[in-house]
Amino acid sequence: MDQDNEIDDSAFKLLIIGNSDVGKSCILLRFCDGEFVQNPGTTIGVDFRFSSIELDGEEAKLQIWDTAGQERFRTITSTYYRNADGVMVVYDVTNQSSFDQVKNWFREISSNAPQNVATILVGNKIDLESQRSISTKQGSNLANSLHSPFIEVSAKSGENILEAFRLAAKETKKKTENIKVPKEKNIVQFRKTNQKKSCC
């Protein structure tokens, strides 16, 4: 998986959204760097990384945006739905509140993202099985009601992380392959500050 320093307009723009502390940054770091960082720092506004993944025998480039889950950053992060090709909605399988908010996140997608955007629902922290409060069936049923693919992962162990991004890329490609409208340039200006807290 490679990283570049410049925004590539041919890459799929994938957002990762969800409540604070569900492990969005940990998922991103596990995928991009192959490691688990216990306290990566709270995402302030938006951060992004570049990577790629093999899909149907070809390289799919990904521009992955990690967004803050806090309400005070909601106005800032909502602007980054623009030109999104796919959105990964993450909840914590040990946290009922994060699961209860999933429908609200999907409403945000409907309000701010392009109509043809691909979505995927991801339940994180399956390594904490003894603390689980949301069953796999509950997650699957919710995903079905939202017409979205579903997968459970563990950023800590790495279980299903690659599969989640491959699924997201596959759904994104499926949604965009027949659309030939040129994307607008993504001009990004923001300042990133990290505060040492749990994964966001």
N, C-alpha and C. Protein backbone atom coordinates (compact mmCIF):
# COMPACT_ATOMS: atom_id res chain seq x y z
N MET A 1 0.85 -1.20 0.00
CA MET A 1 0.00 0.00 0.00
C MET A 1 0.88 1.25 0.00
N ASP A 2 0.70 2.10 -0.97
CA ASP A 2 1.58 3.24 -1.15
C ASP A 2 0.92 4.53 -0.74
N GLN A 3 1.76 5.48 -0.38
CA GLN A 3 1.28 6.82 -0.06
C GLN A 3 1.92 7.82 -0.99
N ASP A 4 1.19 8.87 -1.33
CA ASP A 4 1.71 9.95 -2.15
C ASP A 4 1.57 11.23 -1.36
N ASN A 5 2.23 12.28 -1.85
CA ASN A 5 2.18 13.55 -1.16
C ASN A 5 1.20 14.52 -1.79
N GLU A 6 0.71 14.20 -2.99
CA GLU A 6 -0.21 15.09 -3.67
C GLU A 6 -1.54 14.38 -3.87
N ILE A 7 -2.61 15.17 -3.86
CA ILE A 7 -3.94 14.60 -4.06
C ILE A 7 -4.06 14.10 -5.50
N ASP A 8 -4.51 12.87 -5.65
CA ASP A 8 -4.67 12.23 -6.94
C ASP A 8 -6.17 12.19 -7.25
N ASP A 9 -6.59 12.92 -8.27
CA ASP A 9 -8.01 12.99 -8.60
C ASP A 9 -8.54 11.68 -9.17
N SER A 10 -7.65 10.76 -9.51
CA SER A 10 -8.11 9.47 -10.02
C SER A 10 -8.40 8.51 -8.86
N ALA A 11 -8.00 8.88 -7.65
CA ALA A 11 -8.23 8.02 -6.49
C ALA A 11 -9.67 8.14 -6.00
N PHE A 12 -10.18 7.06 -5.43
CA PHE A 12 -11.49 7.10 -4.80
C PHE A 12 -11.37 7.86 -3.49
N LYS A 13 -12.28 8.81 -3.28
CA LYS A 13 -12.30 9.55 -2.02
C LYS A 13 -13.20 8.82 -1.05
N LEU A 14 -12.62 8.30 0.03
CA LEU A 14 -13.35 7.52 1.02
C LEU A 14 -13.31 8.21 2.37
N LEU A 15 -14.47 8.50 2.94
CA LEU A 15 -14.56 9.10 4.26
C LEU A 15 -14.77 8.03 5.32
N ILE A 16 -14.18 8.23 6.49
CA ILE A 16 -14.46 7.37 7.64
C ILE A 16 -15.14 8.24 8.69
N ILE A 17 -16.39 7.91 9.03
CA ILE A 17 -17.15 8.72 9.97
C ILE A 17 -17.72 7.84 11.08
N GLY A 18 -18.20 8.48 12.13
CA GLY A 18 -18.76 7.77 13.27
C GLY A 18 -18.49 8.54 14.55
N ASN A 19 -19.06 8.08 15.64
CA ASN A 19 -18.87 8.75 16.93
C ASN A 19 -17.40 8.78 17.35
N SER A 20 -17.08 9.64 18.27
CA SER A 20 -15.74 9.67 18.85
C SER A 20 -15.46 8.35 19.56
N ASP A 21 -14.21 7.94 19.55
CA ASP A 21 -13.74 6.77 20.30
C ASP A 21 -14.22 5.43 19.76
N VAL A 22 -14.74 5.39 18.54
CA VAL A 22 -15.11 4.09 17.97
C VAL A 22 -13.93 3.42 17.28
N GLY A 23 -12.82 4.17 17.11
CA GLY A 23 -11.61 3.59 16.54
C GLY A 23 -11.37 3.91 15.08
N LYS A 24 -11.88 5.04 14.60
CA LYS A 24 -11.71 5.41 13.19
C LYS A 24 -10.24 5.59 12.84
N SER A 25 -9.53 6.35 13.66
CA SER A 25 -8.11 6.59 13.39
C SER A 25 -7.31 5.30 13.50
N CYS A 26 -7.68 4.45 14.44
CA CYS A 26 -6.98 3.17 14.60
C CYS A 26 -7.18 2.28 13.38
N ILE A 27 -8.37 2.28 12.82
CA ILE A 27 -8.66 1.51 11.61
C ILE A 27 -7.80 2.02 10.45
N LEU A 28 -7.74 3.35 10.31
CA LEU A 28 -6.95 3.95 9.23
C LEU A 28 -5.47 3.61 9.37
N LEU A 29 -4.94 3.75 10.58
CA LEU A 29 -3.52 3.47 10.81
C LEU A 29 -3.20 2.00 10.62
N ARG A 30 -4.10 1.13 11.04
CA ARG A 30 -3.89 -0.31 10.85
C ARG A 30 -3.83 -0.64 9.36
N PHE A 31 -4.71 -0.04 8.58
CA PHE A 31 -4.74 -0.30 7.14
C PHE A 31 -3.53 0.29 6.43
N CYS A 32 -3.21 1.54 6.73
CA CYS A 32 -2.13 2.23 6.01
C CYS A 32 -0.73 1.83 6.48
N ASP A 33 -0.57 1.64 7.79
CA ASP A 33 0.75 1.38 8.35
C ASP A 33 0.94 -0.05 8.85
N GLY A 34 -0.16 -0.81 8.92
CA GLY A 34 -0.04 -2.19 9.37
C GLY A 34 0.26 -2.33 10.84
N GLU A 35 -0.10 -1.32 11.62
CA GLU A 35 0.17 -1.39 13.05
C GLU A 35 -0.99 -0.81 13.85
N PHE A 36 -1.07 -1.22 15.11
CA PHE A 36 -2.10 -0.70 15.99
C PHE A 36 -1.48 0.31 16.94
N VAL A 37 -2.06 1.50 16.95
CA VAL A 37 -1.61 2.56 17.85
C VAL A 37 -2.70 2.77 18.90
N GLN A 38 -2.37 2.49 20.15
CA GLN A 38 -3.37 2.54 21.22
C GLN A 38 -3.96 3.93 21.39
N ASN A 39 -3.10 4.95 21.34
CA ASN A 39 -3.57 6.32 21.51
C ASN A 39 -3.03 7.20 20.38
N PRO A 40 -3.66 7.15 19.22
CA PRO A 40 -3.17 7.91 18.07
C PRO A 40 -3.41 9.41 18.16
N GLY A 41 -4.19 9.85 19.14
CA GLY A 41 -4.52 11.27 19.26
C GLY A 41 -5.88 11.56 18.67
N THR A 42 -6.58 12.50 19.24
CA THR A 42 -7.91 12.86 18.76
C THR A 42 -7.81 13.63 17.44
N THR A 43 -8.60 13.23 16.48
CA THR A 43 -8.63 13.93 15.20
C THR A 43 -9.33 15.27 15.37
N ILE A 44 -8.64 16.33 14.98
CA ILE A 44 -9.20 17.67 15.07
C ILE A 44 -9.63 18.09 13.67
N GLY A 45 -10.93 18.10 13.44
CA GLY A 45 -11.43 18.42 12.10
C GLY A 45 -11.31 17.22 11.19
N VAL A 46 -10.29 17.24 10.30
CA VAL A 46 -10.13 16.17 9.32
C VAL A 46 -8.65 15.89 9.09
N ASP A 47 -8.31 14.62 8.91
CA ASP A 47 -6.97 14.22 8.51
C ASP A 47 -7.14 13.27 7.33
N PHE A 48 -6.10 13.10 6.51
CA PHE A 48 -6.26 12.16 5.41
C PHE A 48 -4.94 11.47 5.08
N ARG A 49 -5.10 10.29 4.48
CA ARG A 49 -3.96 9.48 4.06
C ARG A 49 -4.24 8.94 2.66
N PHE A 50 -3.16 8.54 1.98
CA PHE A 50 -3.29 7.91 0.68
C PHE A 50 -2.84 6.46 0.78
N SER A 51 -3.51 5.59 0.07
CA SER A 51 -3.12 4.19 0.04
C SER A 51 -3.68 3.57 -1.23
N SER A 52 -3.45 2.28 -1.39
CA SER A 52 -4.02 1.57 -2.54
C SER A 52 -4.29 0.14 -2.12
N ILE A 53 -5.13 -0.52 -2.88
CA ILE A 53 -5.51 -1.88 -2.56
C ILE A 53 -5.79 -2.62 -3.87
N GLU A 54 -5.49 -3.89 -3.90
CA GLU A 54 -5.75 -4.68 -5.10
C GLU A 54 -7.22 -5.03 -5.16
N LEU A 55 -7.81 -4.77 -6.30
CA LEU A 55 -9.24 -5.02 -6.50
C LEU A 55 -9.46 -5.59 -7.89
N ASP A 56 -9.93 -6.82 -7.95
CA ASP A 56 -10.17 -7.49 -9.23
C ASP A 56 -8.93 -7.50 -10.10
N GLY A 57 -7.79 -7.73 -9.47
CA GLY A 57 -6.54 -7.83 -10.21
C GLY A 57 -5.92 -6.51 -10.60
N GLU A 58 -6.53 -5.41 -10.17
CA GLU A 58 -6.01 -4.09 -10.47
C GLU A 58 -5.79 -3.29 -9.20
N GLU A 59 -4.98 -2.25 -9.31
CA GLU A 59 -4.72 -1.39 -8.15
C GLU A 59 -5.79 -0.30 -8.06
N ALA A 60 -6.45 -0.25 -6.92
CA ALA A 60 -7.42 0.82 -6.68
C ALA A 60 -6.78 1.82 -5.72
N LYS A 61 -6.69 3.07 -6.17
CA LYS A 61 -6.10 4.11 -5.32
C LYS A 61 -7.16 4.69 -4.39
N LEU A 62 -6.77 4.91 -3.16
CA LEU A 62 -7.70 5.43 -2.16
C LEU A 62 -7.16 6.70 -1.52
N GLN A 63 -8.03 7.67 -1.41
CA GLN A 63 -7.76 8.91 -0.68
C GLN A 63 -8.69 8.85 0.54
N ILE A 64 -8.13 8.52 1.69
CA ILE A 64 -8.95 8.17 2.86
C ILE A 64 -8.95 9.33 3.86
N TRP A 65 -10.15 9.80 4.18
CA TRP A 65 -10.33 10.94 5.05
C TRP A 65 -10.86 10.49 6.41
N ASP A 66 -10.11 10.76 7.44
CA ASP A 66 -10.47 10.42 8.81
C ASP A 66 -11.08 11.67 9.46
N THR A 67 -12.34 11.58 9.84
CA THR A 67 -13.04 12.76 10.34
C THR A 67 -13.26 12.71 11.85
N ALA A 68 -13.35 13.88 12.45
CA ALA A 68 -13.63 13.98 13.89
C ALA A 68 -15.08 13.63 14.15
N GLY A 69 -15.33 12.94 15.27
CA GLY A 69 -16.69 12.56 15.60
C GLY A 69 -17.39 13.52 16.53
N GLN A 70 -16.63 14.46 17.10
CA GLN A 70 -17.23 15.39 18.06
C GLN A 70 -18.20 16.36 17.38
N GLU A 71 -19.26 16.67 18.08
CA GLU A 71 -20.30 17.55 17.55
C GLU A 71 -19.74 18.91 17.18
N ARG A 72 -18.75 19.41 17.92
CA ARG A 72 -18.24 20.76 17.65
C ARG A 72 -17.50 20.86 16.32
N PHE A 73 -17.12 19.70 15.75
CA PHE A 73 -16.45 19.72 14.45
C PHE A 73 -17.38 19.33 13.32
N ARG A 74 -18.66 19.13 13.62
CA ARG A 74 -19.60 18.62 12.63
C ARG A 74 -19.74 19.56 11.43
N THR A 75 -19.76 20.86 11.68
CA THR A 75 -19.87 21.82 10.57
C THR A 75 -18.65 21.76 9.68
N ILE A 76 -17.48 21.62 10.28
CA ILE A 76 -16.24 21.54 9.50
C ILE A 76 -16.21 20.28 8.66
N THR A 77 -16.47 19.14 9.31
CA THR A 77 -16.33 17.87 8.61
C THR A 77 -17.41 17.66 7.55
N SER A 78 -18.57 18.29 7.72
CA SER A 78 -19.64 18.09 6.74
C SER A 78 -19.24 18.57 5.35
N THR A 79 -18.34 19.55 5.28
CA THR A 79 -17.90 20.06 3.97
C THR A 79 -17.07 19.03 3.22
N TYR A 80 -16.51 18.06 3.94
CA TYR A 80 -15.65 17.08 3.29
C TYR A 80 -16.43 15.93 2.65
N TYR A 81 -17.76 15.94 2.80
CA TYR A 81 -18.57 14.96 2.09
C TYR A 81 -18.58 15.27 0.59
N ARG A 82 -18.28 16.51 0.25
CA ARG A 82 -18.31 16.94 -1.14
C ARG A 82 -17.37 16.09 -1.99
N ASN A 83 -17.88 15.59 -3.09
CA ASN A 83 -17.11 14.76 -4.02
C ASN A 83 -16.69 13.40 -3.44
N ALA A 84 -17.26 13.01 -2.29
CA ALA A 84 -16.94 11.70 -1.73
C ALA A 84 -17.47 10.60 -2.64
N ASP A 85 -16.66 9.56 -2.83
CA ASP A 85 -17.10 8.40 -3.61
C ASP A 85 -17.66 7.31 -2.70
N GLY A 86 -17.14 7.26 -1.47
CA GLY A 86 -17.59 6.24 -0.54
C GLY A 86 -17.48 6.73 0.90
N VAL A 87 -18.31 6.17 1.77
CA VAL A 87 -18.29 6.55 3.19
C VAL A 87 -18.35 5.28 4.04
N MET A 88 -17.40 5.15 4.94
CA MET A 88 -17.35 4.05 5.89
C MET A 88 -17.88 4.56 7.23
N VAL A 89 -19.01 4.02 7.68
CA VAL A 89 -19.60 4.43 8.95
C VAL A 89 -19.20 3.41 10.01
N VAL A 90 -18.52 3.87 11.05
CA VAL A 90 -17.97 2.98 12.06
C VAL A 90 -18.68 3.14 13.40
N TYR A 91 -18.97 2.02 14.04
CA TYR A 91 -19.45 2.03 15.42
C TYR A 91 -18.63 1.04 16.23
N ASP A 92 -18.74 1.13 17.53
CA ASP A 92 -18.02 0.27 18.47
C ASP A 92 -18.98 -0.80 18.97
N VAL A 93 -18.63 -2.07 18.76
CA VAL A 93 -19.55 -3.15 19.15
C VAL A 93 -19.73 -3.27 20.66
N THR A 94 -18.91 -2.54 21.43
CA THR A 94 -19.07 -2.54 22.89
C THR A 94 -19.79 -1.29 23.40
N ASN A 95 -20.20 -0.44 22.46
CA ASN A 95 -20.78 0.84 22.85
C ASN A 95 -22.15 1.03 22.19
N GLN A 96 -23.21 0.87 22.96
CA GLN A 96 -24.57 0.97 22.44
C GLN A 96 -24.85 2.34 21.84
N SER A 97 -24.36 3.39 22.48
CA SER A 97 -24.61 4.75 22.00
C SER A 97 -24.07 4.97 20.60
N SER A 98 -22.89 4.44 20.32
CA SER A 98 -22.30 4.61 18.99
C SER A 98 -23.12 3.88 17.94
N PHE A 99 -23.71 2.76 18.32
CA PHE A 99 -24.58 2.01 17.41
C PHE A 99 -25.89 2.75 17.18
N ASP A 100 -26.42 3.32 18.25
CA ASP A 100 -27.69 4.06 18.15
C ASP A 100 -27.56 5.28 17.24
N GLN A 101 -26.35 5.80 17.10
CA GLN A 101 -26.13 7.00 16.29
C GLN A 101 -25.92 6.71 14.81
N VAL A 102 -25.83 5.44 14.45
CA VAL A 102 -25.54 5.08 13.06
C VAL A 102 -26.54 5.69 12.09
N LYS A 103 -27.83 5.61 12.40
CA LYS A 103 -28.84 6.16 11.49
C LYS A 103 -28.66 7.66 11.32
N ASN A 104 -28.25 8.35 12.37
CA ASN A 104 -28.00 9.79 12.26
C ASN A 104 -26.84 10.07 11.30
N TRP A 105 -25.81 9.22 11.37
CA TRP A 105 -24.67 9.39 10.45
C TRP A 105 -25.11 9.16 9.01
N PHE A 106 -25.97 8.18 8.80
CA PHE A 106 -26.47 7.94 7.45
C PHE A 106 -27.33 9.10 6.95
N ARG A 107 -28.04 9.75 7.88
CA ARG A 107 -28.81 10.93 7.50
C ARG A 107 -27.87 12.06 7.07
N GLU A 108 -26.73 12.17 7.76
CA GLU A 108 -25.75 13.18 7.37
C GLU A 108 -25.21 12.91 5.97
N ILE A 109 -25.00 11.63 5.67
CA ILE A 109 -24.54 11.26 4.34
C ILE A 109 -25.58 11.68 3.29
N SER A 110 -26.84 11.38 3.57
CA SER A 110 -27.91 11.74 2.63
C SER A 110 -28.00 13.24 2.41
N SER A 111 -27.72 14.00 3.47
CA SER A 111 -27.84 15.46 3.40
C SER A 111 -26.64 16.13 2.73
N ASN A 112 -25.46 15.51 2.84
CA ASN A 112 -24.24 16.21 2.43
C ASN A 112 -23.45 15.56 1.31
N ALA A 113 -23.58 14.25 1.13
CA ALA A 113 -22.77 13.54 0.14
C ALA A 113 -23.49 13.45 -1.20
N PRO A 114 -22.75 13.16 -2.27
CA PRO A 114 -23.39 12.97 -3.58
C PRO A 114 -24.40 11.84 -3.52
N GLN A 115 -25.40 11.90 -4.37
CA GLN A 115 -26.50 10.94 -4.35
C GLN A 115 -26.03 9.51 -4.60
N ASN A 116 -24.99 9.34 -5.40
CA ASN A 116 -24.54 8.02 -5.79
C ASN A 116 -23.44 7.47 -4.87
N VAL A 117 -23.21 8.10 -3.74
CA VAL A 117 -22.10 7.70 -2.87
C VAL A 117 -22.31 6.28 -2.35
N ALA A 118 -21.23 5.52 -2.26
CA ALA A 118 -21.28 4.16 -1.72
C ALA A 118 -21.11 4.22 -0.20
N THR A 119 -21.76 3.31 0.51
CA THR A 119 -21.62 3.27 1.97
C THR A 119 -21.30 1.85 2.43
N ILE A 120 -20.65 1.77 3.59
CA ILE A 120 -20.37 0.49 4.22
C ILE A 120 -20.45 0.69 5.73
N LEU A 121 -21.11 -0.21 6.42
CA LEU A 121 -21.23 -0.14 7.87
C LEU A 121 -20.20 -1.08 8.49
N VAL A 122 -19.43 -0.55 9.44
CA VAL A 122 -18.34 -1.31 10.06
C VAL A 122 -18.48 -1.32 11.58
N GLY A 123 -18.52 -2.52 12.16
CA GLY A 123 -18.50 -2.67 13.61
C GLY A 123 -17.08 -2.96 14.06
N ASN A 124 -16.50 -2.10 14.87
CA ASN A 124 -15.10 -2.24 15.30
C ASN A 124 -15.01 -2.79 16.73
N LYS A 125 -13.82 -3.24 17.09
CA LYS A 125 -13.44 -3.72 18.43
C LYS A 125 -14.02 -5.11 18.74
N ILE A 126 -14.05 -5.99 17.72
CA ILE A 126 -14.54 -7.34 17.98
C ILE A 126 -13.55 -8.17 18.79
N ASP A 127 -12.36 -7.63 19.03
CA ASP A 127 -11.41 -8.31 19.93
C ASP A 127 -11.89 -8.26 21.38
N LEU A 128 -12.81 -7.33 21.68
CA LEU A 128 -13.35 -7.18 23.03
C LEU A 128 -14.67 -7.96 23.14
N GLU A 129 -14.62 -9.23 22.79
CA GLU A 129 -15.83 -10.05 22.71
C GLU A 129 -16.59 -10.11 24.03
N SER A 130 -15.87 -10.17 25.14
CA SER A 130 -16.53 -10.28 26.44
C SER A 130 -17.27 -9.00 26.82
N GLN A 131 -16.93 -7.89 26.14
CA GLN A 131 -17.58 -6.61 26.42
C GLN A 131 -18.61 -6.23 25.36
N ARG A 132 -18.82 -7.10 24.41
CA ARG A 132 -19.72 -6.81 23.29
C ARG A 132 -21.14 -6.55 23.78
N SER A 133 -21.76 -5.49 23.25
CA SER A 133 -23.16 -5.19 23.55
C SER A 133 -24.02 -5.19 22.30
N ILE A 134 -23.38 -5.19 21.12
CA ILE A 134 -24.09 -5.22 19.85
C ILE A 134 -23.73 -6.52 19.13
N SER A 135 -24.71 -7.37 18.89
CA SER A 135 -24.45 -8.64 18.23
C SER A 135 -24.20 -8.44 16.74
N THR A 136 -23.57 -9.43 16.14
CA THR A 136 -23.34 -9.39 14.69
C THR A 136 -24.67 -9.31 13.95
N LYS A 137 -25.66 -10.02 14.43
CA LYS A 137 -26.98 -10.02 13.80
C LYS A 137 -27.61 -8.63 13.85
N GLN A 138 -27.47 -7.95 14.98
CA GLN A 138 -28.00 -6.59 15.09
C GLN A 138 -27.35 -5.66 14.07
N GLY A 139 -26.03 -5.78 13.95
CA GLY A 139 -25.32 -4.95 12.99
C GLY A 139 -25.74 -5.25 11.56
N SER A 140 -25.87 -6.55 11.26
CA SER A 140 -26.27 -6.97 9.92
C SER A 140 -27.68 -6.51 9.59
N ASN A 141 -28.58 -6.62 10.56
CA ASN A 141 -29.97 -6.19 10.33
C ASN A 141 -30.05 -4.69 10.07
N LEU A 142 -29.28 -3.92 10.84
CA LEU A 142 -29.28 -2.47 10.63
C LEU A 142 -28.73 -2.13 9.26
N ALA A 143 -27.63 -2.78 8.88
CA ALA A 143 -27.03 -2.53 7.57
C ALA A 143 -28.03 -2.85 6.45
N ASN A 144 -28.74 -3.94 6.60
CA ASN A 144 -29.74 -4.31 5.59
C ASN A 144 -30.83 -3.25 5.47
N SER A 145 -31.25 -2.70 6.61
CA SER A 145 -32.29 -1.67 6.59
C SER A 145 -31.79 -0.39 5.94
N LEU A 146 -30.48 -0.20 5.97
CA LEU A 146 -29.88 1.00 5.38
C LEU A 146 -29.33 0.73 3.97
N HIS A 147 -29.56 -0.50 3.49
CA HIS A 147 -29.11 -0.90 2.15
C HIS A 147 -27.61 -0.72 2.00
N SER A 148 -26.89 -1.16 3.02
CA SER A 148 -25.44 -0.98 3.04
C SER A 148 -24.74 -2.30 3.37
N PRO A 149 -23.60 -2.60 2.75
CA PRO A 149 -22.82 -3.78 3.12
C PRO A 149 -22.35 -3.65 4.57
N PHE A 150 -22.02 -4.76 5.18
CA PHE A 150 -21.66 -4.77 6.61
C PHE A 150 -20.49 -5.71 6.85
N ILE A 151 -19.61 -5.28 7.77
CA ILE A 151 -18.50 -6.13 8.17
C ILE A 151 -18.07 -5.73 9.58
N GLU A 152 -17.59 -6.68 10.34
CA GLU A 152 -17.05 -6.41 11.67
C GLU A 152 -15.53 -6.57 11.62
N VAL A 153 -14.83 -5.71 12.35
CA VAL A 153 -13.37 -5.70 12.30
C VAL A 153 -12.77 -5.50 13.69
N SER A 154 -11.46 -5.66 13.76
CA SER A 154 -10.70 -5.29 14.95
C SER A 154 -9.45 -4.54 14.51
N ALA A 155 -9.40 -3.26 14.82
CA ALA A 155 -8.20 -2.49 14.50
C ALA A 155 -7.02 -2.99 15.32
N LYS A 156 -7.30 -3.51 16.50
CA LYS A 156 -6.23 -3.97 17.39
C LYS A 156 -5.56 -5.23 16.85
N SER A 157 -6.35 -6.22 16.46
CA SER A 157 -5.78 -7.48 15.96
C SER A 157 -5.54 -7.45 14.45
N GLY A 158 -6.21 -6.52 13.78
CA GLY A 158 -6.10 -6.45 12.32
C GLY A 158 -7.14 -7.30 11.60
N GLU A 159 -7.97 -8.02 12.36
CA GLU A 159 -8.95 -8.90 11.74
C GLU A 159 -9.92 -8.13 10.85
N ASN A 160 -10.01 -8.57 9.61
CA ASN A 160 -10.96 -8.04 8.61
C ASN A 160 -10.71 -6.59 8.19
N ILE A 161 -9.59 -6.00 8.59
CA ILE A 161 -9.32 -4.60 8.19
C ILE A 161 -9.13 -4.51 6.67
N LEU A 162 -8.28 -5.36 6.12
CA LEU A 162 -8.06 -5.35 4.67
C LEU A 162 -9.36 -5.65 3.93
N GLU A 163 -10.12 -6.61 4.46
CA GLU A 163 -11.39 -6.98 3.83
C GLU A 163 -12.37 -5.82 3.83
N ALA A 164 -12.37 -5.03 4.92
CA ALA A 164 -13.28 -3.89 5.01
C ALA A 164 -12.97 -2.85 3.94
N PHE A 165 -11.69 -2.54 3.76
CA PHE A 165 -11.32 -1.54 2.76
C PHE A 165 -11.50 -2.08 1.34
N ARG A 166 -11.29 -3.38 1.16
CA ARG A 166 -11.55 -3.97 -0.15
C ARG A 166 -13.05 -3.91 -0.47
N LEU A 167 -13.88 -4.18 0.54
CA LEU A 167 -15.32 -4.10 0.35
C LEU A 167 -15.74 -2.67 0.04
N ALA A 168 -15.15 -1.71 0.76
CA ALA A 168 -15.46 -0.30 0.51
C ALA A 168 -15.05 0.11 -0.89
N ALA A 169 -13.86 -0.33 -1.31
CA ALA A 169 -13.38 0.00 -2.66
C ALA A 169 -14.25 -0.65 -3.72
N LYS A 170 -14.67 -1.89 -3.48
CA LYS A 170 -15.52 -2.61 -4.43
C LYS A 170 -16.85 -1.91 -4.60
N GLU A 171 -17.47 -1.51 -3.48
CA GLU A 171 -18.76 -0.82 -3.54
C GLU A 171 -18.61 0.54 -4.22
N THR A 172 -17.51 1.22 -3.91
CA THR A 172 -17.26 2.53 -4.50
C THR A 172 -17.07 2.42 -6.01
N LYS A 173 -16.28 1.44 -6.42
CA LYS A 173 -16.06 1.23 -7.85
C LYS A 173 -17.37 0.92 -8.56
N LYS A 174 -18.19 0.08 -7.94
CA LYS A 174 -19.47 -0.30 -8.52
C LYS A 174 -20.37 0.92 -8.73
N LYS A 175 -20.33 1.85 -7.76
CA LYS A 175 -21.18 3.03 -7.82
C LYS A 175 -20.68 4.06 -8.84
N THR A 176 -19.36 4.07 -9.05
CA THR A 176 -18.78 5.15 -9.86
C THR A 176 -18.36 4.73 -11.26
N GLU A 177 -18.26 3.43 -11.54
CA GLU A 177 -17.69 3.00 -12.82
C GLU A 177 -18.48 3.46 -14.03
N ASN A 178 -19.78 3.71 -13.85
CA ASN A 178 -20.60 4.15 -14.99
C ASN A 178 -20.83 5.65 -15.01
N ILE A 179 -20.16 6.35 -14.08
CA ILE A 179 -20.33 7.80 -14.00
C ILE A 179 -19.08 8.47 -14.54
N LYS A 180 -19.22 9.26 -15.58
CA LYS A 180 -18.07 9.86 -16.26
C LYS A 180 -17.94 11.36 -16.00
N VAL A 181 -18.69 11.88 -15.04
CA VAL A 181 -18.62 13.31 -14.74
C VAL A 181 -17.30 13.61 -14.05
N PRO A 182 -16.48 14.55 -14.56
CA PRO A 182 -15.20 14.87 -13.94
C PRO A 182 -15.39 15.41 -12.52
N LYS A 183 -14.48 15.01 -11.65
CA LYS A 183 -14.55 15.51 -10.28
C LYS A 183 -13.93 16.91 -10.21
N GLU A 184 -14.41 17.70 -9.27
CA GLU A 184 -13.78 18.98 -9.02
C GLU A 184 -12.49 18.74 -8.26
N LYS A 185 -11.58 19.67 -8.41
CA LYS A 185 -10.32 19.54 -7.67
C LYS A 185 -10.58 19.66 -6.18
N ASN A 186 -9.93 18.80 -5.41
CA ASN A 186 -10.06 18.86 -3.96
C ASN A 186 -8.97 19.74 -3.40
N ILE A 187 -9.29 20.98 -3.12
CA ILE A 187 -8.32 21.92 -2.55
C ILE A 187 -8.54 21.94 -1.05
N VAL A 188 -7.54 21.53 -0.32
CA VAL A 188 -7.70 21.33 1.11
C VAL A 188 -6.75 22.21 1.89
N GLN A 189 -7.29 22.93 2.83
CA GLN A 189 -6.47 23.73 3.73
C GLN A 189 -7.01 23.54 5.14
N PHE A 190 -6.20 22.96 6.00
CA PHE A 190 -6.62 22.80 7.39
C PHE A 190 -5.37 22.61 8.25
N ARG A 191 -5.53 22.85 9.51
CA ARG A 191 -4.44 22.67 10.46
C ARG A 191 -4.80 21.50 11.35
N LYS A 192 -3.84 20.63 11.58
CA LYS A 192 -4.07 19.43 12.37
C LYS A 192 -3.38 19.55 13.72
N THR A 193 -4.12 19.28 14.77
CA THR A 193 -3.56 19.28 16.11
C THR A 193 -3.96 17.98 16.78
N ASN A 194 -3.02 17.30 17.40
CA ASN A 194 -3.32 16.03 18.06
C ASN A 194 -3.32 16.19 19.57
N GLN A 195 -4.35 15.66 20.19
CA GLN A 195 -4.43 15.61 21.63
C GLN A 195 -4.42 14.16 22.01
N LYS A 196 -3.63 13.76 22.98
CA LYS A 196 -3.49 12.36 23.33
C LYS A 196 -4.71 11.86 24.07
N LYS A 197 -5.56 11.20 23.31
CA LYS A 197 -6.74 10.57 23.87
C LYS A 197 -6.91 9.23 23.17
N SER A 198 -7.99 8.55 23.44
CA SER A 198 -8.22 7.25 22.81
C SER A 198 -8.60 7.44 21.36
N CYS A 199 -8.64 6.31 20.63
CA CYS A 199 -8.94 6.36 19.20
C CYS A 199 -10.25 7.07 18.93
N CYS A 200 -10.27 7.90 17.88
CA CYS A 200 -11.50 8.60 17.55
C CYS A 200 -12.01 8.13 16.23
